[in-house]
C-alpha atoms as a PDB file:
ATOM      1  CA  MET A   1      17.034  12.177  -0.877  1.00  0.00           C
ATOM      2  CA  LEU A   2      13.973   9.966  -0.743  1.00  0.00           C
ATOM      3  CA  ALA A   3      15.877   7.004  -2.169  1.00  0.00           C
ATOM      4  CA  ASP A   4      18.647   7.550   0.389  1.00  0.00           C
ATOM      5  CA  ASP A   5      16.101   7.834   3.183  1.00  0.00           C
ATOM      6  CA  ILE A   6      14.396   4.563   2.256  1.00  0.00           C
ATOM      7  CA  LEU A   7      17.751   2.772   2.067  1.00  0.00           C
ATOM      8  CA  GLY A   8      18.975   4.322   5.317  1.00  0.00           C
ATOM      9  CA  HIS A   9      21.788   6.244   3.623  1.00  0.00           C
ATOM     10  CA  PRO A  10      22.866   9.663   4.968  1.00  0.00           C
ATOM     11  CA  TYR A  11      21.832  12.838   3.156  1.00  0.00           C
ATOM     12  CA  ASN A  12      21.848  16.566   3.855  1.00  0.00           C
ATOM     13  CA  LYS A  13      18.511  18.383   3.573  1.00  0.00           C
ATOM     14  CA  ALA A  14      19.975  21.820   4.260  1.00  0.00           C
ATOM     15  CA  GLY A  15      22.735  21.321   1.689  1.00  0.00           C
ATOM     16  CA  HIS A  16      20.209  20.181  -0.878  1.00  0.00           C
ATOM     17  CA  ARG A  17      18.083  23.294  -0.302  1.00  0.00           C
ATOM     18  CA  ARG A  18      21.086  25.586  -0.630  1.00  0.00           C
ATOM     19  CA  ASN A  19      22.116  23.896  -3.874  1.00  0.00           C
ATOM     20  CA  LEU A  20      18.640  24.544  -5.281  1.00  0.00           C
ATOM     21  CA  LEU A  21      18.490  28.253  -4.459  1.00  0.00           C
ATOM     22  CA  PRO A  22      20.764  29.495  -7.314  1.00  0.00           C
ATOM     23  CA  HIS A  23      18.382  27.808  -9.785  1.00  0.00           C
ATOM     24  CA  LEU A  24      15.287  29.529  -8.374  1.00  0.00           C
ATOM     25  CA  ASN A  25      14.194  33.140  -8.618  1.00  0.00           C
ATOM     26  CA  ASP A  26      13.655  35.004  -5.365  1.00  0.00           C
ATOM     27  CA  ARG A  27      13.029  31.920  -3.271  1.00  0.00           C
ATOM     28  CA  SER A  28      13.935  31.662   0.375  1.00  0.00           C
ATOM     29  CA  GLU A  29      15.109  28.494   2.089  1.00  0.00           C
ATOM     30  CA  ALA A  30      11.811  28.487   3.978  1.00  0.00           C
ATOM     31  CA  SER A  31       9.802  28.505   0.752  1.00  0.00           C
ATOM     32  CA  VAL A  32      11.894  25.660  -0.659  1.00  0.00           C
ATOM     33  CA  GLU A  33      11.350  23.733   2.559  1.00  0.00           C
ATOM     34  CA  PHE A  34       7.581  24.229   2.254  1.00  0.00           C
ATOM     35  CA  LYS A  35       7.616  23.152  -1.393  1.00  0.00           C
ATOM     36  CA  HIS A  36       9.292  19.907  -0.358  1.00  0.00           C
ATOM     37  CA  GLN A  37       6.467  19.443   2.147  1.00  0.00           C
ATOM     38  CA  ASN A  38       3.996  19.983  -0.708  1.00  0.00           C
ATOM     39  CA  ILE A  39       5.799  17.273  -2.674  1.00  0.00           C
ATOM     40  CA  SER A  40       5.428  14.956   0.320  1.00  0.00           C
ATOM     41  CA  ALA A  41       1.675  15.603   0.305  1.00  0.00           C
ATOM     42  CA  VAL A  42       1.489  14.796  -3.416  1.00  0.00           C
ATOM     43  CA  LEU A  43       3.461  11.579  -2.900  1.00  0.00           C
ATOM     44  CA  LYS A  44       1.104  10.637  -0.093  1.00  0.00           C
ATOM     45  CA  GLY A  45      -1.880  11.126  -2.384  1.00  0.00           C
ATOM     46  CA  LEU A  46      -0.129   9.035  -5.033  1.00  0.00           C
ATOM     47  CA  GLY A  47       0.276   6.162  -2.585  1.00  0.00           C
ATOM     48  CA  GLU A  48       4.045   6.599  -2.490  1.00  0.00           C
ATOM     49  CA  ASP A  49       6.779   7.086   0.094  1.00  0.00           C
ATOM     50  CA  TRP A  50       7.807  10.527   1.253  1.00  0.00           C
ATOM     51  CA  ILE A  51      10.625  11.872   3.396  1.00  0.00           C
ATOM     52  CA  PRO A  52       9.446  11.830   7.038  1.00  0.00           C
ATOM     53  CA  GLY A  53      11.421  15.006   7.731  1.00  0.00           C
ATOM     54  CA  TYR A  54       9.242  16.843   5.214  1.00  0.00           C
ATOM     55  CA  LYS A  55       5.804  16.538   6.790  1.00  0.00           C
ATOM     56  CA  PRO A  56       3.083  16.662   4.084  1.00  0.00           C
ATOM     57  CA  ALA A  57       1.675  20.167   3.613  1.00  0.00           C
ATOM     58  CA  LEU A  58      -1.587  20.726   1.749  1.00  0.00           C
ATOM     59  CA  ASN A  59      -2.989  23.560  -0.371  1.00  0.00           C
ATOM     60  CA  PHE A  60      -0.659  22.921  -3.304  1.00  0.00           C
ATOM     61  CA  GLN A  61      -1.526  23.531  -6.954  1.00  0.00           C
ATOM     62  CA  MET A  62      -2.490  20.508  -9.043  1.00  0.00           C
ATOM     63  CA  SER A  63       0.290  21.437 -11.455  1.00  0.00           C
ATOM     64  CA  LEU A  64       2.687  20.122  -8.791  1.00  0.00           C
ATOM     65  CA  ALA A  65       0.797  16.817  -8.679  1.00  0.00           C
ATOM     66  CA  ASP A  66       0.988  16.670 -12.486  1.00  0.00           C
ATOM     67  CA  ALA A  67       4.752  17.253 -12.360  1.00  0.00           C
ATOM     68  CA  VAL A  68       5.366  14.550  -9.729  1.00  0.00           C
ATOM     69  CA  ALA A  69       3.142  12.068 -11.587  1.00  0.00           C
ATOM     70  CA  ARG A  70       4.987  12.894 -14.816  1.00  0.00           C
ATOM     71  CA  TRP A  71       8.325  12.193 -13.119  1.00  0.00           C
ATOM     72  CA  LEU A  72       7.051   8.815 -11.886  1.00  0.00           C
ATOM     73  CA  THR A  73       5.877   7.962 -15.413  1.00  0.00           C
ATOM     74  CA  GLN A  74       9.281   8.869 -16.809  1.00  0.00           C
ATOM     75  CA  HIS A  75      11.037   6.751 -14.167  1.00  0.00           C
ATOM     76  CA  PRO A  76       9.268   3.375 -14.154  1.00  0.00           C
ATOM     77  CA  ASP A  77      12.309   1.938 -12.393  1.00  0.00           C
ATOM     78  CA  TRP A  78      11.227   3.860  -9.272  1.00  0.00           C
ATOM     79  CA  LEU A  79       7.744   2.362  -9.177  1.00  0.00           C
ATOM     80  CA  GLY A  80       9.113  -1.058 -10.107  1.00  0.00           C
ATOM     81  CA  ARG A  81      11.974  -1.008  -7.618  1.00  0.00           C
ATOM     82  CA  PRO A  82      12.423  -4.122  -5.492  1.00  0.00           C
ATOM     83  CA  PRO A  83      10.926  -3.820  -1.999  1.00  0.00           C
ATOM     84  CA  HIS A  84      13.385  -2.798   0.685  1.00  0.00           C
ATOM     85  CA  ALA A  85      14.902  -5.812   2.419  1.00  0.00           C
ATOM     86  CA  GLY A  86      13.407  -4.731   5.736  1.00  0.00           C
ATOM     87  CA  ALA A  87       9.901  -5.079   4.348  1.00  0.00           C
ATOM     88  CA  VAL A  88      10.298  -8.580   2.959  1.00  0.00           C
ATOM     89  CA  ALA A  89      10.914 -11.570   5.154  1.00  0.00           C
ATOM     90  CA  GLY A  90      10.546 -14.063   2.337  1.00  0.00           C
ATOM     91  CA  LEU A  91       9.839 -17.574   3.486  1.00  0.00           C
ATOM     92  CA  ARG A  92      12.075 -17.126   6.520  1.00  0.00           C
ATOM     93  CA  GLU A  93      10.785 -16.669  10.031  1.00  0.00           C
ATOM     94  CA  ALA A  94       9.102 -13.257   9.998  1.00  0.00           C
ATOM     95  CA  ALA A  95       8.534 -10.650  12.663  1.00  0.00           C
ATOM     96  CA  PRO A  96       4.821 -10.078  13.309  1.00  0.00           C
ATOM     97  CA  ILE A  97       3.160  -7.441  11.153  1.00  0.00           C
ATOM     98  CA  TRP A  98       1.511  -4.638  13.116  1.00  0.00           C
ATOM     99  CA  VAL A  99      -2.229  -5.063  12.566  1.00  0.00           C
ATOM    100  CA  GLY A 100      -4.361  -2.121  13.640  1.00  0.00           C
ATOM    101  CA  PRO A 101      -7.903  -0.870  13.199  1.00  0.00           C
ATOM    102  CA  PRO A 102      -9.102  -0.144   9.658  1.00  0.00           C
ATOM    103  CA  PRO A 103      -9.855   3.388   8.473  1.00  0.00           C
ATOM    104  CA  THR A 104     -13.242   4.611   9.678  1.00  0.00           C
ATOM    105  CA  LEU A 105     -15.180   7.852   9.859  1.00  0.00           C
ATOM    106  CA  SER A 106     -13.968   8.302  13.422  1.00  0.00           C
ATOM    107  CA  ASN A 107     -10.250   8.197  12.555  1.00  0.00           C
ATOM    108  CA  GLN A 108     -10.240   9.947   9.175  1.00  0.00           C
ATOM    109  CA  PRO A 109      -8.145  13.107   8.601  1.00  0.00           C
ATOM    110  CA  PRO A 110      -9.782  16.533   8.198  1.00  0.00           C
ATOM    111  CA  PRO A 111     -12.191  16.645   5.212  1.00  0.00           C
ATOM    112  CA  GLN A 112     -10.063  19.032   3.138  1.00  0.00           C
ATOM    113  CA  GLU A 113      -6.955  16.856   3.510  1.00  0.00           C
ATOM    114  CA  LEU A 114      -8.858  13.647   2.774  1.00  0.00           C
ATOM    115  CA  GLU A 115     -10.537  15.083  -0.330  1.00  0.00           C
ATOM    116  CA  GLN A 116      -7.269  16.409  -1.747  1.00  0.00           C
ATOM    117  CA  MET A 117      -5.531  13.053  -1.202  1.00  0.00           C
ATOM    118  CA  LEU A 118      -8.409  11.074  -2.720  1.00  0.00           C
ATOM    119  CA  HIS A 119      -8.692  13.480  -5.661  1.00  0.00           C
ATOM    120  CA  ILE A 120      -5.057  12.795  -6.579  1.00  0.00           C
ATOM    121  CA  ALA A 121      -5.567   9.048  -6.139  1.00  0.00           C
ATOM    122  CA  ARG A 122      -8.572   9.086  -8.473  1.00  0.00           C
ATOM    123  CA  LYS A 123      -6.986  11.330 -11.090  1.00  0.00           C
ATOM    124  CA  PHE A 124      -3.861   9.209 -11.412  1.00  0.00           C
ATOM    125  CA  ASP A 125      -5.509   5.798 -10.795  1.00  0.00           C
ATOM    126  CA  VAL A 126      -3.257   4.907  -7.897  1.00  0.00           C
ATOM    127  CA  ALA A 127      -5.258   1.738  -7.213  1.00  0.00           C
ATOM    128  CA  GLY A 128      -4.685   0.546 -10.775  1.00  0.00           C
ATOM    129  CA  ARG A 129      -0.978   1.323 -10.579  1.00  0.00           C
ATOM    130  CA  ASP A 130      -0.550  -0.754  -7.416  1.00  0.00           C
ATOM    131  CA  GLN A 131      -2.540  -3.582  -8.991  1.00  0.00           C
ATOM    132  CA  ARG A 132      -0.248  -3.609 -12.031  1.00  0.00           C
ATOM    133  CA  ASN A 133       2.885  -3.586  -9.871  1.00  0.00           C
ATOM    134  CA  ARG A 134       3.351  -7.344  -9.743  1.00  0.00           C
ATOM    135  CA  ALA A 135       6.640  -7.153  -7.849  1.00  0.00           C
ATOM    136  CA  LEU A 136       4.931  -5.181  -5.074  1.00  0.00           C
ATOM    137  CA  GLY A 137       1.936  -7.509  -4.952  1.00  0.00           C
ATOM    138  CA  ARG A 138       4.051 -10.637  -4.888  1.00  0.00           C
ATOM    139  CA  ALA A 139       6.328  -9.263  -2.165  1.00  0.00           C
ATOM    140  CA  GLY A 140       3.310  -8.380  -0.031  1.00  0.00           C
ATOM    141  CA  GLU A 141       1.834 -11.857  -0.391  1.00  0.00           C
ATOM    142  CA  GLU A 142       5.183 -13.429   0.468  1.00  0.00           C
ATOM    143  CA  ARG A 143       5.435 -11.272   3.589  1.00  0.00           C
ATOM    144  CA  VAL A 144       1.931 -12.236   4.741  1.00  0.00           C
ATOM    145  CA  LEU A 145       2.604 -15.912   4.024  1.00  0.00           C
ATOM    146  CA  ALA A 146       5.694 -15.836   6.237  1.00  0.00           C
ATOM    147  CA  GLY A 147       3.781 -13.927   8.918  1.00  0.00           C
ATOM    148  CA  GLU A 148       0.936 -16.459   8.956  1.00  0.00           C
ATOM    149  CA  ARG A 149       3.329 -19.362   9.366  1.00  0.00           C
ATOM    150  CA  ALA A 150       5.274 -17.585  12.090  1.00  0.00           C
ATOM    151  CA  SER A 151       2.082 -16.685  13.965  1.00  0.00           C
ATOM    152  CA  LEU A 152       0.871 -20.291  13.946  1.00  0.00           C
ATOM    153  CA  ARG A 153       4.238 -21.584  15.104  1.00  0.00           C
ATOM    154  CA  SER A 154       4.270 -19.106  17.983  1.00  0.00           C
ATOM    155  CA  ALA A 155       0.808 -20.396  18.956  1.00  0.00           C
ATOM    156  CA  GLY A 156       2.160 -23.950  19.097  1.00  0.00           C
ATOM    157  CA  ARG A 157       0.500 -25.017  15.836  1.00  0.00           C
ATOM    158  CA  ASP A 158       3.451 -26.159  13.747  1.00  0.00           C
ATOM    159  CA  ASP A 159       1.108 -28.707  12.181  1.00  0.00           C
ATOM    160  CA  LEU A 160      -1.078 -25.954  10.757  1.00  0.00           C
ATOM    161  CA  ALA A 161       1.884 -23.764   9.799  1.00  0.00           C
ATOM    162  CA  ARG A 162       3.131 -26.543   7.512  1.00  0.00           C
ATOM    163  CA  LYS A 163      -0.256 -26.590   5.750  1.00  0.00           C
ATOM    164  CA  VAL A 164      -0.433 -22.874   4.924  1.00  0.00           C
ATOM    165  CA  ARG A 165      -0.530 -22.495   1.129  1.00  0.00           C
ATOM    166  CA  TRP A 166       0.400 -19.650  -1.208  1.00  0.00           C
ATOM    167  CA  VAL A 167      -2.580 -20.279  -3.466  1.00  0.00           C
ATOM    168  CA  SER A 168      -2.004 -17.494  -6.002  1.00  0.00           C
ATOM    169  CA  GLU A 169       1.573 -18.700  -6.542  1.00  0.00           C
ATOM    170  CA  GLU A 170       0.801 -22.407  -6.663  1.00  0.00           C
ATOM    171  CA  ASP A 171      -2.582 -22.434  -8.416  1.00  0.00           C
ATOM    172  CA  GLY A 172      -2.879 -19.028 -10.114  1.00  0.00           C
ATOM    173  CA  ASP A 173      -5.033 -15.978  -9.449  1.00  0.00           C
ATOM    174  CA  GLY A 174      -8.501 -17.435  -9.963  1.00  0.00           C
ATOM    175  CA  ALA A 175      -9.281 -18.617  -6.444  1.00  0.00           C
ATOM    176  CA  GLY A 176     -10.476 -15.237  -5.143  1.00  0.00           C
ATOM    177  CA  TYR A 177      -7.842 -15.214  -2.394  1.00  0.00           C
ATOM    178  CA  ASP A 178      -4.050 -15.413  -2.236  1.00  0.00           C
ATOM    179  CA  ILE A 179      -3.249 -17.440   0.885  1.00  0.00           C
ATOM    180  CA  ALA A 180      -5.027 -20.351   2.558  1.00  0.00           C
ATOM    181  CA  SER A 181      -4.128 -20.258   6.247  1.00  0.00           C
ATOM    182  CA  PHE A 182      -5.643 -21.124   9.612  1.00  0.00           C
ATOM    183  CA  ARG A 183      -6.542 -19.658  12.941  1.00  0.00           C
ATOM    184  CA  PRO A 184      -4.898 -21.381  15.920  1.00  0.00           C
ATOM    185  CA  ASP A 185      -8.178 -23.252  16.574  1.00  0.00           C
ATOM    186  CA  GLY A 186      -7.940 -24.783  13.105  1.00  0.00           C
ATOM    187  CA  GLN A 187     -10.579 -22.642  11.392  1.00  0.00           C
ATOM    188  CA  THR A 188      -9.689 -21.774   7.795  1.00  0.00           C
ATOM    189  CA  ARG A 189      -8.491 -18.286   6.830  1.00  0.00           C
ATOM    190  CA  LEU A 190      -8.778 -17.339   3.151  1.00  0.00           C
ATOM    191  CA  ILE A 191      -6.636 -14.221   2.795  1.00  0.00           C
ATOM    192  CA  GLU A 192      -6.724 -11.768  -0.092  1.00  0.00           C
ATOM    193  CA  VAL A 193      -3.638  -9.515   0.185  1.00  0.00           C
ATOM    194  CA  LYS A 194      -3.641  -5.921  -1.098  1.00  0.00           C
ATOM    195  CA  THR A 195      -0.292  -4.111  -0.801  1.00  0.00           C
ATOM    196  CA  THR A 196       0.722  -0.468  -1.128  1.00  0.00           C
ATOM    197  CA  ASN A 197       3.744   1.625  -0.230  1.00  0.00           C
ATOM    198  CA  GLY A 198       1.313   4.419   0.551  1.00  0.00           C
ATOM    199  CA  TRP A 199      -0.781   5.360   3.547  1.00  0.00           C
ATOM    200  CA  GLU A 200      -3.641   3.360   4.997  1.00  0.00           C
ATOM    201  CA  ARG A 201      -6.339   5.115   2.947  1.00  0.00           C
ATOM    202  CA  THR A 202      -4.732   4.498  -0.440  1.00  0.00           C
ATOM    203  CA  PRO A 203      -7.492   3.042  -2.663  1.00  0.00           C
ATOM    204  CA  PHE A 204      -7.138  -0.487  -4.041  1.00  0.00           C
ATOM    205  CA  HIS A 205      -8.689  -2.623  -6.757  1.00  0.00           C
ATOM    206  CA  ILE A 206     -10.786  -5.675  -5.986  1.00  0.00           C
ATOM    207  CA  SER A 207     -12.173  -7.988  -8.641  1.00  0.00           C
ATOM    208  CA  ARG A 208     -15.729  -9.225  -9.086  1.00  0.00           C
ATOM    209  CA  ASN A 209     -14.480 -12.761  -8.426  1.00  0.00           C
ATOM    210  CA  GLU A 210     -12.833 -11.715  -5.150  1.00  0.00           C
ATOM    211  CA  LEU A 211     -16.069 -10.070  -4.031  1.00  0.00           C
ATOM    212  CA  ALA A 212     -18.053 -13.174  -4.968  1.00  0.00           C
ATOM    213  CA  VAL A 213     -15.702 -15.467  -3.033  1.00  0.00           C
ATOM    214  CA  ALA A 214     -15.814 -13.094  -0.048  1.00  0.00           C
ATOM    215  CA  GLU A 215     -19.608 -13.293  -0.057  1.00  0.00           C
ATOM    216  CA  GLU A 216     -19.616 -17.082  -0.453  1.00  0.00           C
ATOM    217  CA  HIS A 217     -17.081 -17.659   2.350  1.00  0.00           C
ATOM    218  CA  ARG A 218     -18.018 -14.885   4.769  1.00  0.00           C
ATOM    219  CA  SER A 219     -16.805 -16.694   7.887  1.00  0.00           C
ATOM    220  CA  GLU A 220     -13.410 -17.598   6.386  1.00  0.00           C
ATOM    221  CA  TRP A 221     -12.448 -14.833   3.931  1.00  0.00           C
ATOM    222  CA  CYS A 222     -10.627 -11.632   4.873  1.00  0.00           C
ATOM    223  CA  LEU A 223      -8.885  -8.814   3.049  1.00  0.00           C
ATOM    224  CA  PHE A 224      -5.435  -8.156   4.490  1.00  0.00           C
ATOM    225  CA  ARG A 225      -4.445  -4.597   3.601  1.00  0.00           C
ATOM    226  CA  LEU A 226      -0.670  -4.024   3.823  1.00  0.00           C
ATOM    227  CA  TRP A 227       0.409  -0.380   3.789  1.00  0.00           C
ATOM    228  CA  ASN A 228       3.654   1.570   4.332  1.00  0.00           C
ATOM    229  CA  PHE A 229       5.171  -1.599   2.883  1.00  0.00           C
ATOM    230  CA  SER A 230       8.559  -0.339   1.708  1.00  0.00           C
ATOM    231  CA  ARG A 231       9.440   1.038   5.144  1.00  0.00           C
ATOM    232  CA  GLU A 232       7.737  -0.651   8.102  1.00  0.00           C
ATOM    233  CA  PRO A 233       4.802  -2.774   6.928  1.00  0.00           C
ATOM    234  CA  LYS A 234       1.547  -2.227   8.782  1.00  0.00           C
ATOM    235  CA  ALA A 235      -1.844  -3.738   8.127  1.00  0.00           C
ATOM    236  CA  PHE A 236      -5.525  -3.951   8.883  1.00  0.00           C
ATOM    237  CA  GLU A 237      -8.095  -6.607   8.054  1.00  0.00           C
ATOM    238  CA  LEU A 238     -11.526  -6.203   6.485  1.00  0.00           C
ATOM    239  CA  TYR A 239     -14.248  -8.847   6.638  1.00  0.00           C
ATOM    240  CA  PRO A 240     -17.362  -9.346   4.504  1.00  0.00           C
ATOM    241  CA  PRO A 241     -19.536  -7.613   3.640  1.00  0.00           C
ATOM    242  CA  LEU A 242     -16.878  -5.268   2.262  1.00  0.00           C
ATOM    243  CA  ASP A 243     -19.361  -2.525   1.404  1.00  0.00           C
ATOM    244  CA  ALA A 244     -19.776  -2.037   5.152  1.00  0.00           C
ATOM    245  CA  HIS A 245     -16.160  -0.771   5.245  1.00  0.00           C
ATOM    246  CA  VAL A 246     -15.410   0.726   1.821  1.00  0.00           C
ATOM    247  CA  THR A 247     -17.172   2.406  -1.077  1.00  0.00           C
ATOM    248  CA  LEU A 248     -17.175   0.082  -4.083  1.00  0.00           C
ATOM    249  CA  THR A 249     -16.991   1.980  -7.376  1.00  0.00           C
ATOM    250  CA  ALA A 250     -17.418   0.288 -10.766  1.00  0.00           C
ATOM    251  CA  THR A 251     -14.416   1.127 -12.965  1.00  0.00           C
ATOM    252  CA  SER A 252     -15.109  -1.054 -16.015  1.00  0.00           C
ATOM    253  CA  PHE A 253     -18.019  -2.776 -17.685  1.00  0.00           C
ATOM    254  CA  VAL A 254     -18.520  -5.879 -19.791  1.00  0.00           C
ATOM    255  CA  ALA A 255     -19.949  -5.013 -23.222  1.00  0.00           C
ATOM    256  CA  GLY A 256     -21.996  -7.826 -24.728  1.00  0.00           C
ATOM    257  CA  PHE A 257     -24.258  -8.312 -27.772  1.00  0.00           C
ATOM    258  CA  TYR A 258     -27.869  -9.317 -27.322  1.00  0.00           C
END
């Protein structure tokens, strides 16, 4: 059903529930409906899509999260699926990406919901999974590249639009940013793109080099966080110092001999 929903294909929720009932002991349609809402909550915590008609419902057992994560592990084709055509504009003219305010204390969900979502994300290393998903990362960068060029053209700066560079594609990943763009006044924008199919609070990885470049180029560097990418991409931007916006947690260490 989720695959059909993402692709815009028709499906029947009620029929699906009724087909499940003979395989379950003493379950009502209402309980099956609620369990699907629990699955949506798990998928949200895992930084994945969920069916909008099954609004995420909390207070599920972690065994359900284990089962969903196990299914994703057994179906790498799902995590590695190509982005939906509606999310990727390629190098064509692109519709503007909705850019809103970043997550803050003032707009966070209730503490219990936030903690349960973040607990799942930590347990299953959702940030690491998104980082390893090169198809997702590349598609996000391509979408932002097209958006930057389109934005400059709409501002009457075709000259700058022609100079926008996809640095990570042309030069490799060592620059500390993915796209070299411009503001309409000509000021440089060094954009590091982080993409997820999940919600806006899905954690992400950032390298020591990216942090160093952000600190060195404070007035030019920004982190462009793309979320809900496989459906209707949305974004927010973070500017240095990043530890004013996010909690930075060390996840690996360099072991040397002295």
